[in-house]
mmCIF file of all heavy atoms, coordinates in Angstrom:
data_MODEL
# 
_entry.id   MODEL 
# 
loop_
_atom_site.group_PDB 
_atom_site.id 
_atom_site.type_symbol 
_atom_site.label_atom_id 
_atom_site.label_alt_id 
_atom_site.label_comp_id 
_atom_site.label_asym_id 
_atom_site.label_entity_id 
_atom_site.label_seq_id 
_atom_site.pdbx_PDB_ins_code 
_atom_site.Cartn_x 
_atom_site.Cartn_y 
_atom_site.Cartn_z 
_atom_site.occupancy 
_atom_site.B_iso_or_equiv 
_atom_site.pdbx_formal_charge 
_atom_site.auth_seq_id 
_atom_site.auth_comp_id 
_atom_site.auth_asym_id 
_atom_site.auth_atom_id 
_atom_site.pdbx_PDB_model_num 
ATOM 1   N N   . TRP A 1 1  ? 15.871 18.881 15.778 1.00 0.00 ? 1  TRP A N   1 
ATOM 2   C CA  . TRP A 1 1  ? 15.371 20.014 16.563 1.00 0.00 ? 1  TRP A CA  1 
ATOM 3   C C   . TRP A 1 1  ? 16.531 20.913 16.997 1.00 0.00 ? 1  TRP A C   1 
ATOM 4   O O   . TRP A 1 1  ? 16.489 22.129 16.815 1.00 0.00 ? 1  TRP A O   1 
ATOM 5   C CB  . TRP A 1 1  ? 14.606 19.498 17.787 1.00 0.00 ? 1  TRP A CB  1 
ATOM 6   C CG  . TRP A 1 1  ? 14.135 20.569 18.728 1.00 0.00 ? 1  TRP A CG  1 
ATOM 7   C CD1 . TRP A 1 1  ? 14.835 21.111 19.758 1.00 0.00 ? 1  TRP A CD1 1 
ATOM 8   C CD2 . TRP A 1 1  ? 12.877 21.239 18.706 1.00 0.00 ? 1  TRP A CD2 1 
ATOM 9   N NE1 . TRP A 1 1  ? 14.088 22.069 20.404 1.00 0.00 ? 1  TRP A NE1 1 
ATOM 10  C CE2 . TRP A 1 1  ? 12.872 22.164 19.771 1.00 0.00 ? 1  TRP A CE2 1 
ATOM 11  C CE3 . TRP A 1 1  ? 11.740 21.141 17.909 1.00 0.00 ? 1  TRP A CE3 1 
ATOM 12  C CZ2 . TRP A 1 1  ? 11.797 22.981 20.054 1.00 0.00 ? 1  TRP A CZ2 1 
ATOM 13  C CZ3 . TRP A 1 1  ? 10.662 21.964 18.201 1.00 0.00 ? 1  TRP A CZ3 1 
ATOM 14  C CH2 . TRP A 1 1  ? 10.683 22.876 19.258 1.00 0.00 ? 1  TRP A CH2 1 
ATOM 15  N N   . ASN A 1 2  ? 17.581 20.307 17.560 1.00 0.00 ? 2  ASN A N   1 
ATOM 16  C CA  . ASN A 1 2  ? 18.716 21.087 18.062 1.00 0.00 ? 2  ASN A CA  1 
ATOM 17  C C   . ASN A 1 2  ? 19.419 21.875 16.957 1.00 0.00 ? 2  ASN A C   1 
ATOM 18  O O   . ASN A 1 2  ? 19.776 23.030 17.152 1.00 0.00 ? 2  ASN A O   1 
ATOM 19  C CB  . ASN A 1 2  ? 19.707 20.185 18.793 1.00 0.00 ? 2  ASN A CB  1 
ATOM 20  C CG  . ASN A 1 2  ? 19.166 19.720 20.130 1.00 0.00 ? 2  ASN A CG  1 
ATOM 21  O OD1 . ASN A 1 2  ? 18.285 20.339 20.709 1.00 0.00 ? 2  ASN A OD1 1 
ATOM 22  N ND2 . ASN A 1 2  ? 19.678 18.602 20.605 1.00 0.00 ? 2  ASN A ND2 1 
ATOM 23  N N   . ARG A 1 3  ? 19.603 21.242 15.798 1.00 0.00 ? 3  ARG A N   1 
ATOM 24  C CA  . ARG A 1 3  ? 20.228 21.944 14.673 1.00 0.00 ? 3  ARG A CA  1 
ATOM 25  C C   . ARG A 1 3  ? 19.402 23.156 14.266 1.00 0.00 ? 3  ARG A C   1 
ATOM 26  O O   . ARG A 1 3  ? 19.924 24.238 14.032 1.00 0.00 ? 3  ARG A O   1 
ATOM 27  C CB  . ARG A 1 3  ? 20.373 20.993 13.474 1.00 0.00 ? 3  ARG A CB  1 
ATOM 28  C CG  . ARG A 1 3  ? 21.785 20.675 13.120 1.00 0.00 ? 3  ARG A CG  1 
ATOM 29  C CD  . ARG A 1 3  ? 21.957 19.927 11.818 1.00 0.00 ? 3  ARG A CD  1 
ATOM 30  N NE  . ARG A 1 3  ? 20.836 19.209 11.272 1.00 0.00 ? 3  ARG A NE  1 
ATOM 31  C CZ  . ARG A 1 3  ? 20.567 17.920 11.476 1.00 0.00 ? 3  ARG A CZ  1 
ATOM 32  N NH1 . ARG A 1 3  ? 21.360 17.190 12.226 1.00 0.00 ? 3  ARG A NH1 1 
ATOM 33  N NH2 . ARG A 1 3  ? 19.519 17.360 10.923 1.00 0.00 ? 3  ARG A NH2 1 
ATOM 34  N N   . ALA A 1 4  ? 18.096 22.958 14.182 1.00 0.00 ? 4  ALA A N   1 
ATOM 35  C CA  . ALA A 1 4  ? 17.196 24.054 13.772 1.00 0.00 ? 4  ALA A CA  1 
ATOM 36  C C   . ALA A 1 4  ? 17.180 25.179 14.807 1.00 0.00 ? 4  ALA A C   1 
ATOM 37  O O   . ALA A 1 4  ? 17.245 26.355 14.454 1.00 0.00 ? 4  ALA A O   1 
ATOM 38  C CB  . ALA A 1 4  ? 15.786 23.525 13.552 1.00 0.00 ? 4  ALA A CB  1 
ATOM 39  N N   . MET A 1 5  ? 17.113 24.831 16.081 1.00 0.00 ? 5  MET A N   1 
ATOM 40  C CA  . MET A 1 5  ? 16.979 25.848 17.130 1.00 0.00 ? 5  MET A CA  1 
ATOM 41  C C   . MET A 1 5  ? 18.281 26.567 17.427 1.00 0.00 ? 5  MET A C   1 
ATOM 42  O O   . MET A 1 5  ? 18.292 27.782 17.609 1.00 0.00 ? 5  MET A O   1 
ATOM 43  C CB  . MET A 1 5  ? 16.467 25.221 18.435 1.00 0.00 ? 5  MET A CB  1 
ATOM 44  C CG  . MET A 1 5  ? 15.074 24.652 18.373 1.00 0.00 ? 5  MET A CG  1 
ATOM 45  S SD  . MET A 1 5  ? 13.811 25.860 17.966 1.00 0.00 ? 5  MET A SD  1 
ATOM 46  C CE  . MET A 1 5  ? 13.561 25.493 16.244 1.00 0.00 ? 5  MET A CE  1 
ATOM 47  N N   . TYR A 1 6  ? 19.375 25.828 17.506 1.00 0.00 ? 6  TYR A N   1 
ATOM 48  C CA  . TYR A 1 6  ? 20.608 26.415 18.031 1.00 0.00 ? 6  TYR A CA  1 
ATOM 49  C C   . TYR A 1 6  ? 21.658 26.724 16.974 1.00 0.00 ? 6  TYR A C   1 
ATOM 50  O O   . TYR A 1 6  ? 22.466 27.622 17.165 1.00 0.00 ? 6  TYR A O   1 
ATOM 51  C CB  . TYR A 1 6  ? 21.195 25.507 19.111 1.00 0.00 ? 6  TYR A CB  1 
ATOM 52  C CG  . TYR A 1 6  ? 20.189 25.260 20.216 1.00 0.00 ? 6  TYR A CG  1 
ATOM 53  C CD1 . TYR A 1 6  ? 19.565 24.023 20.354 1.00 0.00 ? 6  TYR A CD1 1 
ATOM 54  C CD2 . TYR A 1 6  ? 19.824 26.285 21.084 1.00 0.00 ? 6  TYR A CD2 1 
ATOM 55  C CE1 . TYR A 1 6  ? 18.621 23.809 21.354 1.00 0.00 ? 6  TYR A CE1 1 
ATOM 56  C CE2 . TYR A 1 6  ? 18.877 26.077 22.077 1.00 0.00 ? 6  TYR A CE2 1 
ATOM 57  C CZ  . TYR A 1 6  ? 18.285 24.834 22.205 1.00 0.00 ? 6  TYR A CZ  1 
ATOM 58  O OH  . TYR A 1 6  ? 17.349 24.635 23.172 1.00 0.00 ? 6  TYR A OH  1 
ATOM 59  N N   . LEU A 1 7  ? 21.667 26.017 15.858 1.00 0.00 ? 7  LEU A N   1 
ATOM 60  C CA  . LEU A 1 7  ? 22.651 26.303 14.814 1.00 0.00 ? 7  LEU A CA  1 
ATOM 61  C C   . LEU A 1 7  ? 22.073 27.209 13.741 1.00 0.00 ? 7  LEU A C   1 
ATOM 62  O O   . LEU A 1 7  ? 22.651 28.224 13.381 1.00 0.00 ? 7  LEU A O   1 
ATOM 63  C CB  . LEU A 1 7  ? 23.169 25.007 14.172 1.00 0.00 ? 7  LEU A CB  1 
ATOM 64  C CG  . LEU A 1 7  ? 24.000 24.104 15.089 1.00 0.00 ? 7  LEU A CG  1 
ATOM 65  C CD1 . LEU A 1 7  ? 24.387 22.818 14.364 1.00 0.00 ? 7  LEU A CD1 1 
ATOM 66  C CD2 . LEU A 1 7  ? 25.241 24.833 15.580 1.00 0.00 ? 7  LEU A CD2 1 
ATOM 67  N N   . ARG A 1 8  ? 20.918 26.830 13.217 1.00 0.00 ? 8  ARG A N   1 
ATOM 68  C CA  . ARG A 1 8  ? 20.328 27.599 12.114 1.00 0.00 ? 8  ARG A CA  1 
ATOM 69  C C   . ARG A 1 8  ? 19.362 28.671 12.590 1.00 0.00 ? 8  ARG A C   1 
ATOM 70  O O   . ARG A 1 8  ? 18.961 29.526 11.823 1.00 0.00 ? 8  ARG A O   1 
ATOM 71  C CB  . ARG A 1 8  ? 19.621 26.648 11.157 1.00 0.00 ? 8  ARG A CB  1 
ATOM 72  C CG  . ARG A 1 8  ? 20.607 25.760 10.432 1.00 0.00 ? 8  ARG A CG  1 
ATOM 73  C CD  . ARG A 1 8  ? 19.903 24.952 9.354  1.00 0.00 ? 8  ARG A CD  1 
ATOM 74  N NE  . ARG A 1 8  ? 20.837 24.062 8.717  1.00 0.00 ? 8  ARG A NE  1 
ATOM 75  C CZ  . ARG A 1 8  ? 21.124 22.838 9.141  1.00 0.00 ? 8  ARG A CZ  1 
ATOM 76  N NH1 . ARG A 1 8  ? 20.534 22.373 10.218 1.00 0.00 ? 8  ARG A NH1 1 
ATOM 77  N NH2 . ARG A 1 8  ? 21.988 22.090 8.497  1.00 0.00 ? 8  ARG A NH2 1 
ATOM 78  N N   . GLU A 1 9  ? 18.946 28.565 13.826 1.00 0.00 ? 9  GLU A N   1 
ATOM 79  C CA  . GLU A 1 9  ? 17.965 29.488 14.399 1.00 0.00 ? 9  GLU A CA  1 
ATOM 80  C C   . GLU A 1 9  ? 16.743 29.632 13.498 1.00 0.00 ? 9  GLU A C   1 
ATOM 81  O O   . GLU A 1 9  ? 16.334 30.716 13.124 1.00 0.00 ? 9  GLU A O   1 
ATOM 82  C CB  . GLU A 1 9  ? 18.617 30.840 14.714 1.00 0.00 ? 9  GLU A CB  1 
ATOM 83  C CG  . GLU A 1 9  ? 19.667 30.725 15.798 1.00 0.00 ? 9  GLU A CG  1 
ATOM 84  C CD  . GLU A 1 9  ? 20.197 32.057 16.281 1.00 0.00 ? 9  GLU A CD  1 
ATOM 85  O OE1 . GLU A 1 9  ? 20.143 33.049 15.533 1.00 0.00 ? 9  GLU A OE1 1 
ATOM 86  O OE2 . GLU A 1 9  ? 20.666 32.093 17.433 1.00 0.00 ? 9  GLU A OE2 1 
ATOM 87  N N   . THR A 1 10 ? 16.165 28.479 13.182 1.00 0.00 ? 10 THR A N   1 
ATOM 88  C CA  . THR A 1 10 ? 14.933 28.415 12.402 1.00 0.00 ? 10 THR A CA  1 
ATOM 89  C C   . THR A 1 10 ? 13.778 28.403 13.396 1.00 0.00 ? 10 THR A C   1 
ATOM 90  O O   . THR A 1 10 ? 13.504 27.390 14.015 1.00 0.00 ? 10 THR A O   1 
ATOM 91  C CB  . THR A 1 10 ? 14.895 27.128 11.542 1.00 0.00 ? 10 THR A CB  1 
ATOM 92  O OG1 . THR A 1 10 ? 16.062 27.087 10.736 1.00 0.00 ? 10 THR A OG1 1 
ATOM 93  C CG2 . THR A 1 10 ? 13.651 27.080 10.678 1.00 0.00 ? 10 THR A CG2 1 
ATOM 94  N N   . PHE A 1 11 ? 13.137 29.544 13.544 1.00 0.00 ? 11 PHE A N   1 
ATOM 95  C CA  . PHE A 1 11 ? 12.101 29.652 14.561 1.00 0.00 ? 11 PHE A CA  1 
ATOM 96  C C   . PHE A 1 11 ? 10.685 29.701 13.997 1.00 0.00 ? 11 PHE A C   1 
ATOM 97  O O   . PHE A 1 11 ? 9.729  29.496 14.724 1.00 0.00 ? 11 PHE A O   1 
ATOM 98  C CB  . PHE A 1 11 ? 12.353 30.882 15.429 1.00 0.00 ? 11 PHE A CB  1 
ATOM 99  C CG  . PHE A 1 11 ? 13.691 30.873 16.112 1.00 0.00 ? 11 PHE A CG  1 
ATOM 100 C CD1 . PHE A 1 11 ? 14.619 31.853 15.851 1.00 0.00 ? 11 PHE A CD1 1 
ATOM 101 C CD2 . PHE A 1 11 ? 14.024 29.861 16.995 1.00 0.00 ? 11 PHE A CD2 1 
ATOM 102 C CE1 . PHE A 1 11 ? 15.854 31.854 16.473 1.00 0.00 ? 11 PHE A CE1 1 
ATOM 103 C CE2 . PHE A 1 11 ? 15.265 29.839 17.620 1.00 0.00 ? 11 PHE A CE2 1 
ATOM 104 C CZ  . PHE A 1 11 ? 16.185 30.837 17.356 1.00 0.00 ? 11 PHE A CZ  1 
ATOM 105 N N   . VAL A 1 12 ? 10.548 30.004 12.706 1.00 0.00 ? 12 VAL A N   1 
ATOM 106 C CA  . VAL A 1 12 ? 9.220  30.062 12.084 1.00 0.00 ? 12 VAL A CA  1 
ATOM 107 C C   . VAL A 1 12 ? 9.218  29.113 10.899 1.00 0.00 ? 12 VAL A C   1 
ATOM 108 O O   . VAL A 1 12 ? 10.101 29.166 10.051 1.00 0.00 ? 12 VAL A O   1 
ATOM 109 C CB  . VAL A 1 12 ? 8.882  31.499 11.610 1.00 0.00 ? 12 VAL A CB  1 
ATOM 110 C CG1 . VAL A 1 12 ? 7.526  31.533 10.922 1.00 0.00 ? 12 VAL A CG1 1 
ATOM 111 C CG2 . VAL A 1 12 ? 8.903  32.474 12.785 1.00 0.00 ? 12 VAL A CG2 1 
ATOM 112 N N   . ILE A 1 13 ? 8.225  28.222 10.872 1.00 0.00 ? 13 ILE A N   1 
ATOM 113 C CA  . ILE A 1 13 ? 8.115  27.291 9.749  1.00 0.00 ? 13 ILE A CA  1 
ATOM 114 C C   . ILE A 1 13 ? 6.695  27.313 9.196  1.00 0.00 ? 13 ILE A C   1 
ATOM 115 O O   . ILE A 1 13 ? 5.735  27.560 9.928  1.00 0.00 ? 13 ILE A O   1 
ATOM 116 C CB  . ILE A 1 13 ? 8.516  25.844 10.129 1.00 0.00 ? 13 ILE A CB  1 
ATOM 117 C CG1 . ILE A 1 13 ? 7.676  25.301 11.285 1.00 0.00 ? 13 ILE A CG1 1 
ATOM 118 C CG2 . ILE A 1 13 ? 10.004 25.760 10.445 1.00 0.00 ? 13 ILE A CG2 1 
ATOM 119 C CD1 . ILE A 1 13 ? 7.914  23.841 11.605 1.00 0.00 ? 13 ILE A CD1 1 
ATOM 120 N N   . ASP A 1 14 ? 6.603  27.070 7.907  1.00 0.00 ? 14 ASP A N   1 
ATOM 121 C CA  . ASP A 1 14 ? 5.305  27.029 7.238  1.00 0.00 ? 14 ASP A CA  1 
ATOM 122 C C   . ASP A 1 14 ? 4.679  25.663 7.480  1.00 0.00 ? 14 ASP A C   1 
ATOM 123 O O   . ASP A 1 14 ? 5.277  24.644 7.170  1.00 0.00 ? 14 ASP A O   1 
ATOM 124 C CB  . ASP A 1 14 ? 5.478  27.278 5.744  1.00 0.00 ? 14 ASP A CB  1 
ATOM 125 C CG  . ASP A 1 14 ? 4.152  27.384 5.017  1.00 0.00 ? 14 ASP A CG  1 
ATOM 126 O OD1 . ASP A 1 14 ? 3.100  27.440 5.687  1.00 0.00 ? 14 ASP A OD1 1 
ATOM 127 O OD2 . ASP A 1 14 ? 4.173  27.412 3.781  1.00 0.00 ? 14 ASP A OD2 1 
ATOM 128 N N   . MET A 1 15 ? 3.502  25.649 8.048  1.00 0.00 ? 15 MET A N   1 
ATOM 129 C CA  . MET A 1 15 ? 2.805  24.393 8.343  1.00 0.00 ? 15 MET A CA  1 
ATOM 130 C C   . MET A 1 15 ? 1.439  24.359 7.673  1.00 0.00 ? 15 MET A C   1 
ATOM 131 O O   . MET A 1 15 ? 0.550  23.632 8.099  1.00 0.00 ? 15 MET A O   1 
ATOM 132 C CB  . MET A 1 15 ? 2.654  24.238 9.860  1.00 0.00 ? 15 MET A CB  1 
ATOM 133 C CG  . MET A 1 15 ? 3.957  24.071 10.596 1.00 0.00 ? 15 MET A CG  1 
ATOM 134 S SD  . MET A 1 15 ? 4.849  22.572 10.164 1.00 0.00 ? 15 MET A SD  1 
ATOM 135 C CE  . MET A 1 15 ? 3.881  21.343 11.016 1.00 0.00 ? 15 MET A CE  1 
ATOM 136 N N   . GLN A 1 16 ? 1.263  25.145 6.621  1.00 0.00 ? 16 GLN A N   1 
ATOM 137 C CA  . GLN A 1 16 ? -0.035 25.267 5.965  1.00 0.00 ? 16 GLN A CA  1 
ATOM 138 C C   . GLN A 1 16 ? -0.628 23.905 5.595  1.00 0.00 ? 16 GLN A C   1 
ATOM 139 O O   . GLN A 1 16 ? -1.793 23.654 5.819  1.00 0.00 ? 16 GLN A O   1 
ATOM 140 C CB  . GLN A 1 16 ? 0.101  26.149 4.715  1.00 0.00 ? 16 GLN A CB  1 
ATOM 141 C CG  . GLN A 1 16 ? -1.220 26.614 4.166  1.00 0.00 ? 16 GLN A CG  1 
ATOM 142 C CD  . GLN A 1 16 ? -1.973 27.518 5.127  1.00 0.00 ? 16 GLN A CD  1 
ATOM 143 O OE1 . GLN A 1 16 ? -1.420 28.445 5.681  1.00 0.00 ? 16 GLN A OE1 1 
ATOM 144 N NE2 . GLN A 1 16 ? -3.236 27.248 5.343  1.00 0.00 ? 16 GLN A NE2 1 
ATOM 145 N N   . ARG A 1 17 ? 0.196  23.028 5.033  1.00 0.00 ? 17 ARG A N   1 
ATOM 146 C CA  . ARG A 1 17 ? -0.343 21.743 4.586  1.00 0.00 ? 17 ARG A CA  1 
ATOM 147 C C   . ARG A 1 17 ? -0.766 20.833 5.736  1.00 0.00 ? 17 ARG A C   1 
ATOM 148 O O   . ARG A 1 17 ? -1.533 19.906 5.547  1.00 0.00 ? 17 ARG A O   1 
ATOM 149 C CB  . ARG A 1 17 ? 0.636  21.034 3.654  1.00 0.00 ? 17 ARG A CB  1 
ATOM 150 C CG  . ARG A 1 17 ? 1.901  20.590 4.302  1.00 0.00 ? 17 ARG A CG  1 
ATOM 151 C CD  . ARG A 1 17 ? 2.902  20.128 3.250  1.00 0.00 ? 17 ARG A CD  1 
ATOM 152 N NE  . ARG A 1 17 ? 3.830  19.192 3.835  1.00 0.00 ? 17 ARG A NE  1 
ATOM 153 C CZ  . ARG A 1 17 ? 4.052  18.000 3.366  1.00 0.00 ? 17 ARG A CZ  1 
ATOM 154 N NH1 . ARG A 1 17 ? 3.440  17.574 2.299  1.00 0.00 ? 17 ARG A NH1 1 
ATOM 155 N NH2 . ARG A 1 17 ? 4.911  17.205 3.967  1.00 0.00 ? 17 ARG A NH2 1 
ATOM 156 N N   . TRP A 1 18 ? -0.271 21.088 6.930  1.00 0.00 ? 18 TRP A N   1 
ATOM 157 C CA  . TRP A 1 18 ? -0.626 20.281 8.101  1.00 0.00 ? 18 TRP A CA  1 
ATOM 158 C C   . TRP A 1 18 ? -1.602 21.003 9.031  1.00 0.00 ? 18 TRP A C   1 
ATOM 159 O O   . TRP A 1 18 ? -2.081 20.419 9.991  1.00 0.00 ? 18 TRP A O   1 
ATOM 160 C CB  . TRP A 1 18 ? 0.638  19.969 8.901  1.00 0.00 ? 18 TRP A CB  1 
ATOM 161 C CG  . TRP A 1 18 ? 1.648  19.157 8.190  1.00 0.00 ? 18 TRP A CG  1 
ATOM 162 C CD1 . TRP A 1 18 ? 2.787  19.621 7.589  1.00 0.00 ? 18 TRP A CD1 1 
ATOM 163 C CD2 . TRP A 1 18 ? 1.655  17.749 7.994  1.00 0.00 ? 18 TRP A CD2 1 
ATOM 164 N NE1 . TRP A 1 18 ? 3.484  18.580 7.039  1.00 0.00 ? 18 TRP A NE1 1 
ATOM 165 C CE2 . TRP A 1 18 ? 2.817  17.422 7.277  1.00 0.00 ? 18 TRP A CE2 1 
ATOM 166 C CE3 . TRP A 1 18 ? 0.776  16.723 8.365  1.00 0.00 ? 18 TRP A CE3 1 
ATOM 167 C CZ2 . TRP A 1 18 ? 3.136  16.125 6.919  1.00 0.00 ? 18 TRP A CZ2 1 
ATOM 168 C CZ3 . TRP A 1 18 ? 1.094  15.424 8.012  1.00 0.00 ? 18 TRP A CZ3 1 
ATOM 169 C CH2 . TRP A 1 18 ? 2.256  15.132 7.296  1.00 0.00 ? 18 TRP A CH2 1 
ATOM 170 N N   . SER A 1 19 ? -1.867 22.249 8.784  1.00 0.00 ? 19 SER A N   1 
ATOM 171 C CA  . SER A 1 19 ? -2.552 23.113 9.725  1.00 0.00 ? 19 SER A CA  1 
ATOM 172 C C   . SER A 1 19 ? -3.893 22.570 10.226 1.00 0.00 ? 19 SER A C   1 
ATOM 173 O O   . SER A 1 19 ? -4.122 22.470 11.425 1.00 0.00 ? 19 SER A O   1 
ATOM 174 C CB  . SER A 1 19 ? -2.746 24.497 9.102  1.00 0.00 ? 19 SER A CB  1 
ATOM 175 O OG  . SER A 1 19 ? -3.157 25.404 10.072 1.00 0.00 ? 19 SER A OG  1 
ATOM 176 N N   . ASP A 1 20 ? -4.795 22.230 9.309  1.00 0.00 ? 20 ASP A N   1 
ATOM 177 C CA  . ASP A 1 20 ? -6.129 21.774 9.721  1.00 0.00 ? 20 ASP A CA  1 
ATOM 178 C C   . ASP A 1 20 ? -6.073 20.473 10.510 1.00 0.00 ? 20 ASP A C   1 
ATOM 179 O O   . ASP A 1 20 ? -6.739 20.323 11.532 1.00 0.00 ? 20 ASP A O   1 
ATOM 180 C CB  . ASP A 1 20 ? -7.038 21.605 8.497  1.00 0.00 ? 20 ASP A CB  1 
ATOM 181 C CG  . ASP A 1 20 ? -7.358 22.935 7.846  1.00 0.00 ? 20 ASP A CG  1 
ATOM 182 O OD1 . ASP A 1 20 ? -7.242 23.974 8.525  1.00 0.00 ? 20 ASP A OD1 1 
ATOM 183 O OD2 . ASP A 1 20 ? -7.722 22.937 6.653  1.00 0.00 ? 20 ASP A OD2 1 
ATOM 184 N N   . VAL A 1 21 ? -5.273 19.537 10.045 1.00 0.00 ? 21 VAL A N   1 
ATOM 185 C CA  . VAL A 1 21 ? -5.152 18.234 10.716 1.00 0.00 ? 21 VAL A CA  1 
ATOM 186 C C   . VAL A 1 21 ? -4.584 18.417 12.116 1.00 0.00 ? 21 VAL A C   1 
ATOM 187 O O   . VAL A 1 21 ? -5.119 17.861 13.086 1.00 0.00 ? 21 VAL A O   1 
ATOM 188 C CB  . VAL A 1 21 ? -4.257 17.279 9.894  1.00 0.00 ? 21 VAL A CB  1 
ATOM 189 C CG1 . VAL A 1 21 ? -3.931 16.021 10.672 1.00 0.00 ? 21 VAL A CG1 1 
ATOM 190 C CG2 . VAL A 1 21 ? -4.913 16.950 8.570  1.00 0.00 ? 21 VAL A CG2 1 
ATOM 191 N N   . LEU A 1 22 ? -3.520 19.187 12.218 1.00 0.00 ? 22 LEU A N   1 
ATOM 192 C CA  . LEU A 1 22 ? -2.902 19.384 13.529 1.00 0.00 ? 22 LEU A CA  1 
ATOM 193 C C   . LEU A 1 22 ? -3.847 20.059 14.505 1.00 0.00 ? 22 LEU A C   1 
ATOM 194 O O   . LEU A 1 22 ? -3.928 19.663 15.674 1.00 0.00 ? 22 LEU A O   1 
ATOM 195 C CB  . LEU A 1 22 ? -1.607 20.190 13.399 1.00 0.00 ? 22 LEU A CB  1 
ATOM 196 C CG  . LEU A 1 22 ? -0.436 19.442 12.797 1.00 0.00 ? 22 LEU A CG  1 
ATOM 197 C CD1 . LEU A 1 22 ? 0.761  20.375 12.634 1.00 0.00 ? 22 LEU A CD1 1 
ATOM 198 C CD2 . LEU A 1 22 ? -0.053 18.235 13.626 1.00 0.00 ? 22 LEU A CD2 1 
ATOM 199 N N   . HIS A 1 23 ? -4.572 21.057 14.045 1.00 0.00 ? 23 HIS A N   1 
ATOM 200 C CA  . HIS A 1 23 ? -5.487 21.763 14.945 1.00 0.00 ? 23 HIS A CA  1 
ATOM 201 C C   . HIS A 1 23 ? -6.573 20.829 15.480 1.00 0.00 ? 23 HIS A C   1 
ATOM 202 O O   . HIS A 1 23 ? -6.779 20.740 16.692 1.00 0.00 ? 23 HIS A O   1 
ATOM 203 C CB  . HIS A 1 23 ? -6.119 22.963 14.239 1.00 0.00 ? 23 HIS A CB  1 
ATOM 204 C CG  . HIS A 1 23 ? -7.186 23.624 15.038 1.00 0.00 ? 23 HIS A CG  1 
ATOM 205 N ND1 . HIS A 1 23 ? -6.947 24.165 16.288 1.00 0.00 ? 23 HIS A ND1 1 
ATOM 206 C CD2 . HIS A 1 23 ? -8.498 23.815 14.800 1.00 0.00 ? 23 HIS A CD2 1 
ATOM 207 C CE1 . HIS A 1 23 ? -8.074 24.662 16.765 1.00 0.00 ? 23 HIS A CE1 1 
ATOM 208 N NE2 . HIS A 1 23 ? -9.022 24.462 15.882 1.00 0.00 ? 23 HIS A NE2 1 
ATOM 209 N N   . SER A 1 24 ? -7.242 20.125 14.594 1.00 0.00 ? 24 SER A N   1 
ATOM 210 C CA  . SER A 1 24 ? -8.339 19.264 15.048 1.00 0.00 ? 24 SER A CA  1 
ATOM 211 C C   . SER A 1 24 ? -7.838 18.119 15.926 1.00 0.00 ? 24 SER A C   1 
ATOM 212 O O   . SER A 1 24 ? -8.439 17.808 16.951 1.00 0.00 ? 24 SER A O   1 
ATOM 213 C CB  . SER A 1 24 ? -9.130 18.719 13.856 1.00 0.00 ? 24 SER A CB  1 
ATOM 214 O OG  . SER A 1 24 ? -8.321 17.845 13.092 1.00 0.00 ? 24 SER A OG  1 
# 
C-alpha cells in the first residue's frame, strides 16, 4: 500500500474482474 500511495502514486486501479463480487 505504502509503495503504491507514496512512491509510485498509483491512485486509480482497474478492478473490473472483482467489481461485482466486491460490491455485493
